[in-house]
Amino acid sequence: MTIKKVVTSAALVVALLAQGGNALASTEEAASGPSATDTSTSIPSTKNTVRNSEFHAEMRAWVNGRVAAMHDYRVAIAAASTTLKSALDSATSKEGRKSAMAAFKSAREVAKSALDSALTALGDRPVRPTR
């Protein structure tokens, strides 16, 4: 065989394989498309869309409220810790250190009660609507 015949036959084989692959791909696409009884590709009703958007808005507000409450708690604890550290550094007696620790524990309890009340005010996590 000559080089020309080899190249021509190789090109013919590649072309046939490409067409065969396209034919197989097109039959796979046709087979995997939605059928008459397949309802998974149907457009959701407006009622579900409205409920889902309301749920997402409620969830976003709940998460933002929770994040804000946690942030306030962490800021209060950091401030109490800073105050404790400076009070312990300046304390010269055992009673001074005890009173600094008592003040820190009191501030920590106040911050925790504020966090608990904020989380209680937020209420339970919103429930996703059912279909």
N, C-alpha and C. Protein backbone atom coordinates (compact mmCIF):
# COMPACT_ATOMS: atom_id res chain seq x y z
N MET A 1 0.83 -1.17 0.00
CA MET A 1 0.00 0.00 0.00
C MET A 1 0.88 1.23 0.00
N THR A 2 0.36 2.21 -0.63
CA THR A 2 1.11 3.45 -0.67
C THR A 2 0.69 4.33 0.49
N ILE A 3 1.49 5.34 0.73
CA ILE A 3 1.22 6.28 1.81
C ILE A 3 -0.11 6.97 1.58
N LYS A 4 -0.41 7.30 0.33
CA LYS A 4 -1.65 7.99 0.01
C LYS A 4 -2.86 7.14 0.38
N LYS A 5 -2.80 5.83 0.10
CA LYS A 5 -3.91 4.94 0.43
C LYS A 5 -4.06 4.78 1.94
N VAL A 6 -2.94 4.73 2.66
CA VAL A 6 -3.00 4.59 4.12
C VAL A 6 -3.63 5.83 4.75
N VAL A 7 -3.21 7.01 4.30
CA VAL A 7 -3.76 8.26 4.83
C VAL A 7 -5.23 8.37 4.49
N THR A 8 -5.62 8.02 3.27
CA THR A 8 -7.01 8.10 2.85
C THR A 8 -7.87 7.14 3.66
N SER A 9 -7.39 5.91 3.85
CA SER A 9 -8.18 4.94 4.61
C SER A 9 -8.25 5.34 6.09
N ALA A 10 -7.18 5.91 6.63
CA ALA A 10 -7.21 6.37 8.02
C ALA A 10 -8.20 7.53 8.17
N ALA A 11 -8.21 8.43 7.21
CA ALA A 11 -9.15 9.54 7.25
C ALA A 11 -10.58 9.04 7.17
N LEU A 12 -10.80 8.03 6.33
CA LEU A 12 -12.14 7.45 6.19
C LEU A 12 -12.58 6.80 7.51
N VAL A 13 -11.66 6.09 8.16
CA VAL A 13 -11.98 5.45 9.44
C VAL A 13 -12.30 6.50 10.50
N VAL A 14 -11.51 7.56 10.56
CA VAL A 14 -11.76 8.63 11.53
C VAL A 14 -13.10 9.28 11.26
N ALA A 15 -13.44 9.53 10.02
CA ALA A 15 -14.71 10.15 9.67
C ALA A 15 -15.87 9.26 10.06
N LEU A 16 -15.75 7.95 9.79
CA LEU A 16 -16.83 7.02 10.16
C LEU A 16 -16.99 6.94 11.68
N LEU A 17 -15.87 6.91 12.39
CA LEU A 17 -15.96 6.87 13.84
C LEU A 17 -16.60 8.15 14.40
N ALA A 18 -16.26 9.28 13.81
CA ALA A 18 -16.82 10.55 14.27
C ALA A 18 -18.32 10.58 14.04
N GLN A 19 -18.76 10.12 12.87
CA GLN A 19 -20.19 10.10 12.59
C GLN A 19 -20.90 9.09 13.48
N GLY A 20 -20.28 7.95 13.70
CA GLY A 20 -20.86 6.94 14.58
C GLY A 20 -20.96 7.46 16.00
N GLY A 21 -19.93 8.16 16.47
CA GLY A 21 -19.97 8.74 17.81
C GLY A 21 -21.05 9.79 17.92
N ASN A 22 -21.22 10.60 16.87
CA ASN A 22 -22.29 11.60 16.88
C ASN A 22 -23.65 10.94 16.89
N ALA A 23 -23.77 9.86 16.13
CA ALA A 23 -25.04 9.15 16.10
C ALA A 23 -25.35 8.54 17.46
N LEU A 24 -24.33 7.97 18.11
CA LEU A 24 -24.54 7.41 19.43
C LEU A 24 -24.87 8.51 20.44
N ALA A 25 -24.18 9.62 20.34
CA ALA A 25 -24.43 10.71 21.27
C ALA A 25 -25.84 11.26 21.09
N SER A 26 -26.29 11.35 19.86
CA SER A 26 -27.62 11.89 19.64
C SER A 26 -28.69 10.92 20.12
N THR A 27 -28.45 9.60 20.01
CA THR A 27 -29.45 8.67 20.52
C THR A 27 -29.45 8.65 22.04
N GLU A 28 -28.27 8.85 22.67
CA GLU A 28 -28.24 8.92 24.13
C GLU A 28 -28.96 10.16 24.63
N GLU A 29 -28.79 11.26 23.93
CA GLU A 29 -29.48 12.49 24.32
C GLU A 29 -30.98 12.33 24.19
N ALA A 30 -31.40 11.67 23.10
CA ALA A 30 -32.82 11.48 22.89
C ALA A 30 -33.39 10.54 23.94
N ALA A 31 -32.61 9.53 24.33
CA ALA A 31 -33.09 8.57 25.32
C ALA A 31 -33.15 9.20 26.71
N SER A 32 -32.26 10.13 27.02
CA SER A 32 -32.24 10.68 28.37
C SER A 32 -33.14 11.91 28.52
N GLY A 33 -33.77 12.36 27.48
CA GLY A 33 -34.64 13.53 27.56
C GLY A 33 -35.91 13.22 28.32
N PRO A 34 -36.67 14.23 28.67
CA PRO A 34 -37.90 14.01 29.44
C PRO A 34 -38.94 13.26 28.61
N SER A 35 -39.64 12.37 29.26
CA SER A 35 -40.70 11.64 28.59
C SER A 35 -42.04 12.30 28.91
N ALA A 36 -43.10 11.74 28.37
CA ALA A 36 -44.42 12.33 28.59
C ALA A 36 -44.85 12.19 30.05
N THR A 37 -44.38 11.16 30.75
CA THR A 37 -44.76 10.96 32.13
C THR A 37 -43.77 11.56 33.11
N ASP A 38 -42.65 12.08 32.63
CA ASP A 38 -41.64 12.66 33.49
C ASP A 38 -42.05 14.08 33.87
N THR A 39 -42.29 14.31 35.15
CA THR A 39 -42.72 15.63 35.61
C THR A 39 -41.62 16.38 36.33
N SER A 40 -40.41 15.80 36.41
CA SER A 40 -39.33 16.45 37.14
C SER A 40 -38.83 17.71 36.44
N THR A 41 -39.09 17.84 35.16
CA THR A 41 -38.62 19.01 34.44
C THR A 41 -39.69 20.06 34.29
N SER A 42 -40.84 19.84 34.93
CA SER A 42 -41.92 20.82 34.80
C SER A 42 -41.59 22.07 35.60
N ILE A 43 -42.16 23.16 35.22
CA ILE A 43 -41.94 24.44 35.89
C ILE A 43 -42.71 24.44 37.20
N PRO A 44 -42.04 24.79 38.32
CA PRO A 44 -42.75 24.78 39.60
C PRO A 44 -43.85 25.83 39.62
N SER A 45 -44.86 25.54 40.40
CA SER A 45 -45.97 26.48 40.49
C SER A 45 -45.54 27.75 41.22
N THR A 46 -46.29 28.80 41.00
CA THR A 46 -45.98 30.08 41.63
C THR A 46 -46.12 29.98 43.14
N LYS A 47 -47.05 29.16 43.61
CA LYS A 47 -47.26 29.01 45.04
C LYS A 47 -46.00 28.48 45.72
N ASN A 48 -45.38 27.45 45.14
CA ASN A 48 -44.15 26.91 45.72
C ASN A 48 -43.02 27.92 45.65
N THR A 49 -42.94 28.65 44.57
CA THR A 49 -41.88 29.64 44.42
C THR A 49 -42.02 30.74 45.47
N VAL A 50 -43.23 31.17 45.72
CA VAL A 50 -43.47 32.21 46.72
C VAL A 50 -43.12 31.69 48.10
N ARG A 51 -43.55 30.46 48.41
CA ARG A 51 -43.23 29.88 49.72
C ARG A 51 -41.73 29.71 49.89
N ASN A 52 -41.04 29.28 48.84
CA ASN A 52 -39.59 29.11 48.92
C ASN A 52 -38.89 30.45 49.11
N SER A 53 -39.34 31.47 48.41
CA SER A 53 -38.69 32.78 48.58
C SER A 53 -38.97 33.35 49.97
N GLU A 54 -40.17 33.11 50.50
CA GLU A 54 -40.47 33.55 51.87
C GLU A 54 -39.59 32.79 52.86
N PHE A 55 -39.42 31.49 52.64
CA PHE A 55 -38.57 30.69 53.52
C PHE A 55 -37.14 31.21 53.48
N HIS A 56 -36.63 31.49 52.30
CA HIS A 56 -35.25 31.98 52.18
C HIS A 56 -35.09 33.33 52.88
N ALA A 57 -36.09 34.19 52.78
CA ALA A 57 -36.02 35.48 53.46
C ALA A 57 -36.04 35.30 54.98
N GLU A 58 -36.92 34.41 55.46
CA GLU A 58 -36.98 34.13 56.90
C GLU A 58 -35.67 33.52 57.39
N MET A 59 -35.12 32.60 56.61
CA MET A 59 -33.88 31.93 57.00
C MET A 59 -32.73 32.92 57.02
N ARG A 60 -32.67 33.79 56.03
CA ARG A 60 -31.61 34.80 55.98
C ARG A 60 -31.70 35.72 57.20
N ALA A 61 -32.92 36.15 57.56
CA ALA A 61 -33.11 37.02 58.73
C ALA A 61 -32.73 36.28 60.01
N TRP A 62 -33.09 35.00 60.11
CA TRP A 62 -32.76 34.22 61.30
C TRP A 62 -31.25 34.06 61.45
N VAL A 63 -30.59 33.72 60.35
CA VAL A 63 -29.13 33.54 60.39
C VAL A 63 -28.44 34.86 60.71
N ASN A 64 -28.88 35.95 60.08
CA ASN A 64 -28.27 37.26 60.36
C ASN A 64 -28.47 37.66 61.83
N GLY A 65 -29.64 37.39 62.38
CA GLY A 65 -29.88 37.68 63.79
C GLY A 65 -29.00 36.84 64.70
N ARG A 66 -28.83 35.60 64.35
CA ARG A 66 -27.98 34.70 65.14
C ARG A 66 -26.51 35.15 65.08
N VAL A 67 -26.06 35.51 63.89
CA VAL A 67 -24.68 35.98 63.72
C VAL A 67 -24.47 37.27 64.53
N ALA A 68 -25.43 38.17 64.49
CA ALA A 68 -25.31 39.42 65.25
C ALA A 68 -25.27 39.15 66.75
N ALA A 69 -26.10 38.23 67.23
CA ALA A 69 -26.12 37.90 68.66
C ALA A 69 -24.79 37.27 69.08
N MET A 70 -24.26 36.38 68.27
CA MET A 70 -22.98 35.75 68.59
C MET A 70 -21.84 36.77 68.56
N HIS A 71 -21.92 37.70 67.62
CA HIS A 71 -20.89 38.74 67.53
C HIS A 71 -20.91 39.62 68.78
N ASP A 72 -22.10 40.02 69.19
CA ASP A 72 -22.22 40.84 70.40
C ASP A 72 -21.69 40.10 71.62
N TYR A 73 -21.98 38.81 71.70
CA TYR A 73 -21.50 37.99 72.81
C TYR A 73 -19.96 37.94 72.82
N ARG A 74 -19.38 37.69 71.66
CA ARG A 74 -17.92 37.62 71.58
C ARG A 74 -17.26 38.95 71.91
N VAL A 75 -17.87 40.03 71.47
CA VAL A 75 -17.33 41.36 71.79
C VAL A 75 -17.39 41.61 73.30
N ALA A 76 -18.50 41.23 73.93
CA ALA A 76 -18.64 41.43 75.38
C ALA A 76 -17.63 40.58 76.14
N ILE A 77 -17.42 39.34 75.70
CA ILE A 77 -16.44 38.47 76.36
C ILE A 77 -15.03 39.01 76.17
N ALA A 78 -14.72 39.51 74.98
CA ALA A 78 -13.39 40.08 74.72
C ALA A 78 -13.14 41.31 75.59
N ALA A 79 -14.16 42.14 75.73
CA ALA A 79 -14.02 43.34 76.58
C ALA A 79 -13.82 42.94 78.04
N ALA A 80 -14.58 41.94 78.49
CA ALA A 80 -14.43 41.48 79.87
C ALA A 80 -13.06 40.86 80.09
N SER A 81 -12.56 40.13 79.10
CA SER A 81 -11.23 39.52 79.21
C SER A 81 -10.14 40.59 79.27
N THR A 82 -10.29 41.62 78.46
CA THR A 82 -9.31 42.71 78.47
C THR A 82 -9.32 43.41 79.83
N THR A 83 -10.51 43.66 80.36
CA THR A 83 -10.63 44.29 81.67
C THR A 83 -10.02 43.39 82.75
N LEU A 84 -10.27 42.11 82.65
CA LEU A 84 -9.72 41.17 83.62
C LEU A 84 -8.20 41.18 83.58
N LYS A 85 -7.65 41.14 82.38
CA LYS A 85 -6.20 41.11 82.26
C LYS A 85 -5.56 42.36 82.87
N SER A 86 -6.14 43.52 82.55
CA SER A 86 -5.57 44.76 83.11
C SER A 86 -5.76 44.82 84.63
N ALA A 87 -6.90 44.30 85.12
CA ALA A 87 -7.14 44.29 86.57
C ALA A 87 -6.18 43.33 87.27
N LEU A 88 -5.92 42.17 86.65
CA LEU A 88 -4.98 41.23 87.25
C LEU A 88 -3.55 41.77 87.24
N ASP A 89 -3.20 42.49 86.16
CA ASP A 89 -1.86 43.08 86.10
C ASP A 89 -1.66 44.15 87.17
N SER A 90 -2.72 44.88 87.46
CA SER A 90 -2.59 45.97 88.43
C SER A 90 -2.90 45.53 89.87
N ALA A 91 -3.44 44.33 90.02
CA ALA A 91 -3.79 43.86 91.36
C ALA A 91 -2.52 43.54 92.15
N THR A 92 -2.49 44.00 93.39
CA THR A 92 -1.31 43.76 94.23
C THR A 92 -1.60 42.75 95.34
N SER A 93 -2.87 42.48 95.56
CA SER A 93 -3.21 41.56 96.65
C SER A 93 -4.08 40.43 96.13
N LYS A 94 -4.21 39.42 96.95
CA LYS A 94 -5.04 38.27 96.61
C LYS A 94 -6.51 38.68 96.51
N GLU A 95 -6.94 39.58 97.35
CA GLU A 95 -8.33 40.05 97.32
C GLU A 95 -8.61 40.83 96.04
N GLY A 96 -7.64 41.57 95.55
CA GLY A 96 -7.80 42.31 94.29
C GLY A 96 -7.96 41.38 93.10
N ARG A 97 -7.18 40.30 93.10
CA ARG A 97 -7.31 39.31 92.02
C ARG A 97 -8.65 38.58 92.11
N LYS A 98 -9.09 38.27 93.33
CA LYS A 98 -10.38 37.60 93.49
C LYS A 98 -11.53 38.49 93.02
N SER A 99 -11.46 39.77 93.37
CA SER A 99 -12.53 40.68 92.94
C SER A 99 -12.51 40.87 91.43
N ALA A 100 -11.31 40.86 90.81
CA ALA A 100 -11.22 40.97 89.35
C ALA A 100 -11.84 39.74 88.68
N MET A 101 -11.56 38.57 89.24
CA MET A 101 -12.15 37.33 88.69
C MET A 101 -13.67 37.32 88.89
N ALA A 102 -14.13 37.80 90.03
CA ALA A 102 -15.57 37.86 90.28
C ALA A 102 -16.26 38.81 89.29
N ALA A 103 -15.60 39.94 89.04
CA ALA A 103 -16.16 40.90 88.07
C ALA A 103 -16.20 40.28 86.68
N PHE A 104 -15.16 39.52 86.33
CA PHE A 104 -15.12 38.85 85.02
C PHE A 104 -16.23 37.81 84.92
N LYS A 105 -16.40 37.01 85.94
CA LYS A 105 -17.45 35.98 85.93
C LYS A 105 -18.83 36.62 85.84
N SER A 106 -19.01 37.74 86.51
CA SER A 106 -20.28 38.45 86.45
C SER A 106 -20.53 38.99 85.03
N ALA A 107 -19.50 39.57 84.43
CA ALA A 107 -19.63 40.08 83.06
C ALA A 107 -19.90 38.95 82.08
N ARG A 108 -19.27 37.81 82.32
CA ARG A 108 -19.49 36.65 81.45
C ARG A 108 -20.92 36.14 81.57
N GLU A 109 -21.46 36.12 82.78
CA GLU A 109 -22.85 35.69 82.97
C GLU A 109 -23.83 36.65 82.32
N VAL A 110 -23.56 37.94 82.43
CA VAL A 110 -24.42 38.95 81.79
C VAL A 110 -24.39 38.77 80.27
N ALA A 111 -23.20 38.54 79.71
CA ALA A 111 -23.09 38.35 78.27
C ALA A 111 -23.82 37.08 77.83
N LYS A 112 -23.71 36.03 78.63
CA LYS A 112 -24.39 34.77 78.30
C LYS A 112 -25.89 34.93 78.38
N SER A 113 -26.39 35.63 79.38
CA SER A 113 -27.84 35.83 79.49
C SER A 113 -28.35 36.71 78.35
N ALA A 114 -27.54 37.70 77.92
CA ALA A 114 -27.93 38.53 76.78
C ALA A 114 -27.98 37.69 75.50
N LEU A 115 -27.01 36.79 75.34
CA LEU A 115 -27.01 35.89 74.18
C LEU A 115 -28.22 34.98 74.21
N ASP A 116 -28.50 34.39 75.36
CA ASP A 116 -29.65 33.50 75.48
C ASP A 116 -30.96 34.21 75.18
N SER A 117 -31.11 35.43 75.67
CA SER A 117 -32.35 36.16 75.41
C SER A 117 -32.47 36.55 73.94
N ALA A 118 -31.35 36.88 73.31
CA ALA A 118 -31.38 37.21 71.88
C ALA A 118 -31.75 35.98 71.05
N LEU A 119 -31.19 34.83 71.41
CA LEU A 119 -31.51 33.60 70.68
C LEU A 119 -32.95 33.17 70.92
N THR A 120 -33.45 33.40 72.12
CA THR A 120 -34.85 33.09 72.41
C THR A 120 -35.77 34.01 71.61
N ALA A 121 -35.39 35.27 71.49
CA ALA A 121 -36.21 36.22 70.71
C ALA A 121 -36.22 35.84 69.24
N LEU A 122 -35.13 35.25 68.75
CA LEU A 122 -35.10 34.82 67.35
C LEU A 122 -36.06 33.67 67.10
N GLY A 123 -36.23 32.83 68.09
CA GLY A 123 -37.12 31.69 67.93
C GLY A 123 -36.42 30.52 67.26
N ASP A 124 -37.22 29.53 66.92
CA ASP A 124 -36.68 28.34 66.27
C ASP A 124 -36.29 28.63 64.83
N ARG A 125 -35.46 27.77 64.31
CA ARG A 125 -35.02 27.89 62.92
C ARG A 125 -36.23 27.72 62.01
N PRO A 126 -36.34 28.53 60.94
CA PRO A 126 -37.48 28.39 60.03
C PRO A 126 -37.48 27.01 59.37
N VAL A 127 -38.67 26.50 59.13
CA VAL A 127 -38.82 25.17 58.54
C VAL A 127 -39.04 25.31 57.05
N ARG A 128 -38.29 24.51 56.28
CA ARG A 128 -38.43 24.52 54.82
C ARG A 128 -39.82 24.04 54.44
N PRO A 129 -40.47 24.71 53.51
CA PRO A 129 -41.81 24.27 53.10
C PRO A 129 -41.75 22.92 52.37
N THR A 130 -42.77 22.15 52.56
CA THR A 130 -42.84 20.85 51.91
C THR A 130 -43.48 20.99 50.54
N ARG A 131 -43.23 20.02 49.73
CA ARG A 131 -43.79 20.07 48.37
C ARG A 131 -45.18 19.54 48.33
